[in-house]
Structure formats: structure tokens, C-alpha cells
Amino acid sequence: MRTKKKLVRKSSSDAAVRRSARETRRSHQAAPKKSRIGVLIADDHTVVREGLVSLIRRKPDMTVVGEATNGREAVDLWKQHRPDVTLLDLRMPELDGVSAIKEIREHDEHARIIVLTTFDGDEDIYRAIQAGAKGYLLKDVPREALMDSIRRVHAGETCVPVHLAAKLAERVSGETLSSREIDVLKLMAQGKSNKEIGAALFISEGTVKSHVKAIFAKMNVISRTEAVANASRRGLIQL
């Protein structure tokens, strides 16, 4: 009898072990494999682009799905790969970063895009965020901070460092130049006189003087040279 009971207990124990093993296998088979964050990199500077590719490929939770050398190529590769996150330079040939963001978001308004640039002007930041960028970082950002921003934007957050957010807030709350005043500024930057600006814009010289006066007041400057330098630094115009 004892032998029979021992055999019964052993048999039950073996069956339990087999059931546990089967359940473990099923559990492993059913568990979805965690996918990596697909990143598209767009930068016209080869050294910067290759450095970003190397950095991201070393992360176990990320992968590079494409490399673009200009804004037009960035849009085309985005449509081809539909990346989880796009790292985009602000100023590139063929199509600038803001225009690329707008085109991408025409295809998917939820596209997650981070601007990674050397330009920190309040107008640059404002235009990028207004176009739909979910992050705005400078290229001197620490590596791990960049990786963390990619993860956060992928998770649905917006990432703008405090000092850049302050500039954005100042831009939003401050006086803005009209599109006509921007046109006048651009021609001022080319060294044109009030008379030449008027001829180019089909307005009177007196109207140009009024625009220049308004520009000086809004930008808190006292000369054309200072106005142009200030506008370039803020990203209002590109020299």
C-alpha cells in the first residue's frame, strides 16, 4: 500500500511539473516581443548625422530606420518608413525643417518630431513648435538627455528645455512683427535703401519709413544694423 501511495504521489508530482513547464512555455510564447523605437535622422552635416546614427544604434531599445541629408529626403523617407520619432535639423537644403514638419504632419498630425539644431532664437523655436514639433533641442545637449527625450516624445510627451521654453514664452507674450515688416527687414538686411525697399514692395518711401520706425520700436533697437543682427539672432530672417 505504501508503495502504491508513493507511486501515486510521484505520478501527481511529475504531472504538476509537466503542467508547469507547459504553462511556462505558453507564457513565453504569448508574451509580445518589445519593439524598438524606430528613429529617422535628418541632418545635412555628415559628421553630425553619422554620430547620431552610431549613438542610437548602441541603444537596445532604439533602431535607425533611415538617414536623410536634406528636408525633401526627410519627408520622402518619413512616408516610406513611418518612424516612431524623427530627429530633424532646422536648416537644411531643398526644404527647411519647419516646412518638412508641416509636410509630414499633413500625412499624420500625430507624427512625433524633435528638432535638433544649433539655432536657439525665439522665432526659430516658435515656428518649429507651431508647425508641430514635439521637442526642440540644441546639438550640445548631453547624449543621455537626448536619448531620454526620444523616449519621452515617443511616449507622447513634449520636450523643450527650460531655457528654451522661457524664450518661447517671451516670443508668445511679446510684440510680433507683421509679415510686411518682415519683408522690409529682409530687404534691409540686403543693404537696400528705403527708396529701393519701396520699389521692391510696391509701396511708397514714406510707408517704408513707417515700417522701419515700427520695427525699431518693437525690437527695441536704434539702428538698421542692430535690427538686422537682432532679427538674425532670433531667427526672424536668415542671412
Protein backbone atom coordinates (compact mmCIF):
# COMPACT_ATOMS: atom_id res chain seq x y z
CA MET A 1 0.00 0.00 0.00
CA ARG A 2 2.80 2.40 0.91
CA THR A 3 4.49 1.71 -2.38
CA LYS A 4 1.28 2.37 -4.26
CA LYS A 5 0.75 5.67 -2.39
CA LYS A 6 4.32 6.70 -3.14
CA LEU A 7 3.79 5.93 -6.81
CA VAL A 8 0.56 7.94 -6.87
CA ARG A 9 2.27 10.94 -5.21
CA LYS A 10 5.24 10.71 -7.56
CA SER A 11 2.94 10.49 -10.58
CA SER A 12 0.96 13.52 -9.40
CA SER A 13 4.18 15.43 -8.78
CA ASP A 14 5.53 14.62 -12.26
CA ALA A 15 2.25 15.70 -13.85
CA ALA A 16 2.35 19.01 -11.98
CA VAL A 17 5.92 19.62 -13.15
CA ARG A 18 4.93 18.91 -16.75
CA ARG A 19 1.90 21.22 -16.49
CA SER A 20 4.10 23.97 -15.04
CA ALA A 21 6.63 23.54 -17.85
CA ARG A 22 3.86 23.71 -20.49
CA GLU A 23 2.39 26.84 -18.91
CA THR A 24 5.81 28.47 -18.76
CA ARG A 25 6.41 27.74 -22.45
CA ARG A 26 2.98 29.11 -23.36
CA SER A 27 3.64 32.20 -21.27
CA HIS A 28 6.92 32.87 -23.05
CA GLN A 29 5.34 32.26 -26.43
CA ALA A 30 2.39 34.54 -25.68
CA ALA A 31 4.47 37.43 -24.30
CA PRO A 32 4.84 40.03 -27.07
CA LYS A 33 8.35 40.97 -28.02
CA LYS A 34 9.05 44.57 -27.02
CA SER A 35 9.61 46.56 -30.20
CA ARG A 36 12.37 49.11 -30.51
CA ILE A 37 11.77 52.81 -31.18
CA GLY A 38 12.31 53.45 -34.90
CA VAL A 39 14.18 56.73 -35.42
CA LEU A 40 14.61 58.71 -38.65
CA ILE A 41 17.59 61.11 -38.65
CA ALA A 42 17.65 64.17 -40.93
CA ASP A 43 20.74 66.38 -40.96
CA ASP A 44 22.77 67.75 -43.85
CA HIS A 45 26.03 67.60 -41.87
CA THR A 46 27.58 64.17 -42.41
CA VAL A 47 29.61 64.10 -39.19
CA VAL A 48 26.59 65.02 -37.06
CA ARG A 49 24.31 62.54 -38.81
CA GLU A 50 26.78 59.65 -38.56
CA GLY A 51 27.40 60.44 -34.90
CA LEU A 52 23.68 60.28 -34.14
CA VAL A 53 23.32 57.01 -36.05
CA SER A 54 26.19 55.44 -34.09
CA LEU A 55 24.79 56.67 -30.77
CA ILE A 56 21.25 55.43 -31.36
CA ARG A 57 22.32 52.05 -32.71
CA ARG A 58 24.07 51.35 -29.40
CA LYS A 59 20.78 51.63 -27.53
CA PRO A 60 18.94 48.30 -27.11
CA ASP A 61 15.52 49.98 -27.24
CA MET A 62 16.15 52.01 -30.42
CA THR A 63 16.94 51.48 -34.07
CA VAL A 64 17.70 53.80 -37.00
CA VAL A 65 15.19 53.34 -39.83
CA GLY A 66 16.55 55.98 -42.20
CA GLU A 67 19.04 58.81 -42.80
CA ALA A 68 18.15 61.97 -44.72
CA THR A 69 20.60 64.61 -45.98
CA ASN A 70 18.02 67.32 -46.69
CA GLY A 71 14.45 68.29 -45.88
CA ARG A 72 12.90 66.85 -49.03
CA GLU A 73 14.57 63.50 -48.48
CA ALA A 74 13.39 63.58 -44.84
CA VAL A 75 9.75 63.85 -45.93
CA ASP A 76 10.16 61.08 -48.52
CA LEU A 77 11.85 58.72 -46.04
CA TRP A 78 9.24 59.51 -43.39
CA LYS A 79 6.46 58.46 -45.79
CA GLN A 80 8.41 55.30 -46.64
CA HIS A 81 9.29 54.17 -43.10
CA ARG A 82 6.75 55.90 -40.84
CA PRO A 83 9.28 56.19 -37.97
CA ASP A 84 8.23 56.38 -34.34
CA VAL A 85 10.35 59.50 -33.81
CA THR A 86 12.11 61.83 -36.26
CA LEU A 87 15.22 63.86 -35.36
CA LEU A 88 15.24 66.85 -37.69
CA ASP A 89 17.73 69.67 -38.23
CA LEU A 90 16.14 73.10 -38.55
CA ARG A 91 18.05 74.47 -41.53
CA MET A 92 18.68 72.10 -44.41
CA PRO A 93 18.88 72.41 -48.20
CA GLU A 94 15.91 71.88 -50.53
CA LEU A 95 13.37 72.07 -47.71
CA ASP A 96 13.93 73.62 -44.28
CA GLY A 97 12.99 71.88 -41.05
CA VAL A 98 9.77 73.80 -40.41
CA SER A 99 8.50 73.15 -43.94
CA ALA A 100 9.40 69.46 -43.58
CA ILE A 101 7.47 69.26 -40.29
CA LYS A 102 4.40 70.78 -41.94
CA GLU A 103 4.52 68.35 -44.87
CA ILE A 104 4.97 65.33 -42.60
CA ARG A 105 2.08 66.38 -40.38
CA GLU A 106 -0.15 66.72 -43.43
CA HIS A 107 0.20 62.92 -43.69
CA ASP A 108 -0.04 62.29 -39.95
CA GLU A 109 -0.90 65.03 -37.48
CA HIS A 110 0.34 62.78 -34.66
CA ALA A 111 3.86 62.41 -36.11
CA ARG A 112 6.46 62.71 -33.34
CA ILE A 113 9.24 65.06 -34.42
CA ILE A 114 12.15 66.52 -32.45
CA VAL A 115 14.07 69.49 -33.83
CA LEU A 116 17.79 69.10 -33.11
CA THR A 117 19.61 72.27 -34.11
CA THR A 118 22.25 74.87 -33.28
CA PHE A 119 19.75 77.74 -33.53
CA ASP A 120 18.12 78.94 -30.33
CA GLY A 121 16.33 82.09 -31.50
CA ASP A 122 12.87 82.63 -30.05
CA GLU A 123 11.34 82.83 -33.52
CA ASP A 124 13.04 79.57 -34.57
CA ILE A 125 11.60 77.79 -31.52
CA TYR A 126 8.17 79.34 -32.00
CA ARG A 127 7.91 78.40 -35.69
CA ALA A 128 9.02 74.81 -35.03
CA ILE A 129 6.60 74.24 -32.15
CA GLN A 130 3.79 75.98 -34.03
CA ALA A 131 4.45 73.68 -37.02
CA GLY A 132 4.00 70.65 -34.77
CA ALA A 133 7.41 69.67 -33.37
CA LYS A 134 7.10 67.75 -30.09
CA GLY A 135 10.62 68.59 -28.96
CA TYR A 136 13.25 71.27 -29.51
CA LEU A 137 16.84 70.55 -28.52
CA LEU A 138 20.23 72.09 -29.20
CA LYS A 139 23.04 69.96 -30.58
CA ASP A 140 25.14 70.43 -27.46
CA VAL A 141 22.54 68.52 -25.42
CA PRO A 142 24.11 65.69 -23.33
CA ARG A 143 23.82 62.28 -25.00
CA GLU A 144 21.64 60.66 -22.37
CA ALA A 145 19.38 63.71 -22.25
CA LEU A 146 18.86 63.31 -26.00
CA MET A 147 18.08 59.61 -25.62
CA ASP A 148 15.67 60.36 -22.79
CA SER A 149 13.93 62.99 -24.94
CA ILE A 150 13.46 60.46 -27.75
CA ARG A 151 11.83 58.05 -25.29
CA ARG A 152 9.63 60.76 -23.79
CA VAL A 153 8.44 62.08 -27.14
CA HIS A 154 7.76 58.51 -28.25
CA ALA A 155 5.62 58.15 -25.11
CA GLY A 156 3.59 61.21 -26.11
CA GLU A 157 5.32 63.94 -24.10
CA THR A 158 6.63 67.31 -25.30
CA CYS A 159 10.31 68.10 -24.58
CA VAL A 160 11.58 71.68 -24.57
CA PRO A 161 14.38 72.54 -22.10
CA VAL A 162 13.54 75.22 -19.53
CA HIS A 163 15.81 77.92 -21.00
CA LEU A 164 14.31 77.42 -24.47
CA ALA A 165 10.78 77.32 -23.08
CA ALA A 166 11.47 80.72 -21.48
CA LYS A 167 12.44 82.14 -24.88
CA LEU A 168 9.30 80.65 -26.39
CA ALA A 169 7.17 82.25 -23.67
CA GLU A 170 8.85 85.61 -24.30
CA ARG A 171 8.15 85.32 -28.02
CA VAL A 172 4.50 84.45 -27.46
CA SER A 173 3.93 87.30 -25.00
CA GLY A 174 5.96 89.95 -26.85
CA GLU A 175 5.10 92.18 -29.78
CA THR A 176 5.31 90.40 -33.11
CA LEU A 177 6.36 91.85 -36.44
CA SER A 178 3.85 91.81 -39.26
CA SER A 179 4.59 89.93 -42.46
CA ARG A 180 5.17 93.26 -44.22
CA GLU A 181 7.64 94.35 -41.54
CA ILE A 182 9.49 91.04 -42.00
CA ASP A 183 9.66 91.76 -45.75
CA VAL A 184 11.14 95.18 -45.02
CA LEU A 185 13.66 93.63 -42.62
CA LYS A 186 14.80 91.12 -45.21
CA LEU A 187 15.46 93.90 -47.73
CA MET A 188 17.19 95.98 -45.03
CA ALA A 189 19.48 93.00 -44.48
CA GLN A 190 20.40 93.15 -48.17
CA GLY A 191 21.54 96.75 -47.67
CA LYS A 192 18.71 98.36 -49.66
CA SER A 193 17.67 101.95 -49.03
CA ASN A 194 14.13 102.99 -48.13
CA LYS A 195 13.55 104.03 -51.73
CA GLU A 196 14.78 100.65 -53.05
CA ILE A 197 12.67 98.78 -50.49
CA GLY A 198 9.61 100.76 -51.53
CA ALA A 199 10.20 99.96 -55.20
CA ALA A 200 10.68 96.26 -54.44
CA LEU A 201 7.49 96.05 -52.36
CA PHE A 202 5.45 98.48 -54.48
CA ILE A 203 4.87 100.86 -51.57
CA SER A 204 5.82 104.49 -51.03
CA GLU A 205 9.06 105.57 -49.39
CA GLY A 206 7.01 107.17 -46.62
CA THR A 207 5.30 103.85 -45.89
CA VAL A 208 8.71 102.16 -45.71
CA LYS A 209 9.84 104.75 -43.16
CA SER A 210 6.76 104.00 -41.05
CA HIS A 211 7.53 100.26 -41.18
CA VAL A 212 11.16 100.87 -40.20
CA LYS A 213 10.06 103.02 -37.26
CA ALA A 214 7.66 100.29 -36.11
CA ILE A 215 10.38 97.64 -36.43
CA PHE A 216 12.77 99.68 -34.30
CA ALA A 217 10.11 100.18 -31.61
CA LYS A 218 9.04 96.54 -31.47
CA MET A 219 12.60 95.23 -31.42
CA ASN A 220 13.88 97.94 -29.07
CA VAL A 221 16.78 98.86 -31.36
CA ILE A 222 18.08 102.20 -32.66
CA SER A 223 19.74 101.33 -35.98
CA ARG A 224 19.23 99.25 -39.10
CA THR A 225 22.39 97.26 -38.36
CA GLU A 226 21.16 96.41 -34.87
CA ALA A 227 17.73 95.50 -36.21
CA VAL A 228 19.20 93.10 -38.77
CA ALA A 229 21.57 91.50 -36.23
CA ASN A 230 18.75 91.10 -33.71
CA ALA A 231 16.41 89.61 -36.33
CA SER A 232 19.06 87.13 -37.46
CA ARG A 233 19.81 86.02 -33.90
CA ARG A 234 16.13 85.46 -33.16
CA GLY A 235 15.53 83.56 -36.38
CA LEU A 236 13.24 86.17 -37.94
CA ILE A 237 15.45 86.32 -41.04
CA GLN A 238 18.30 84.23 -42.41
CA LEU A 239 21.43 85.98 -43.63
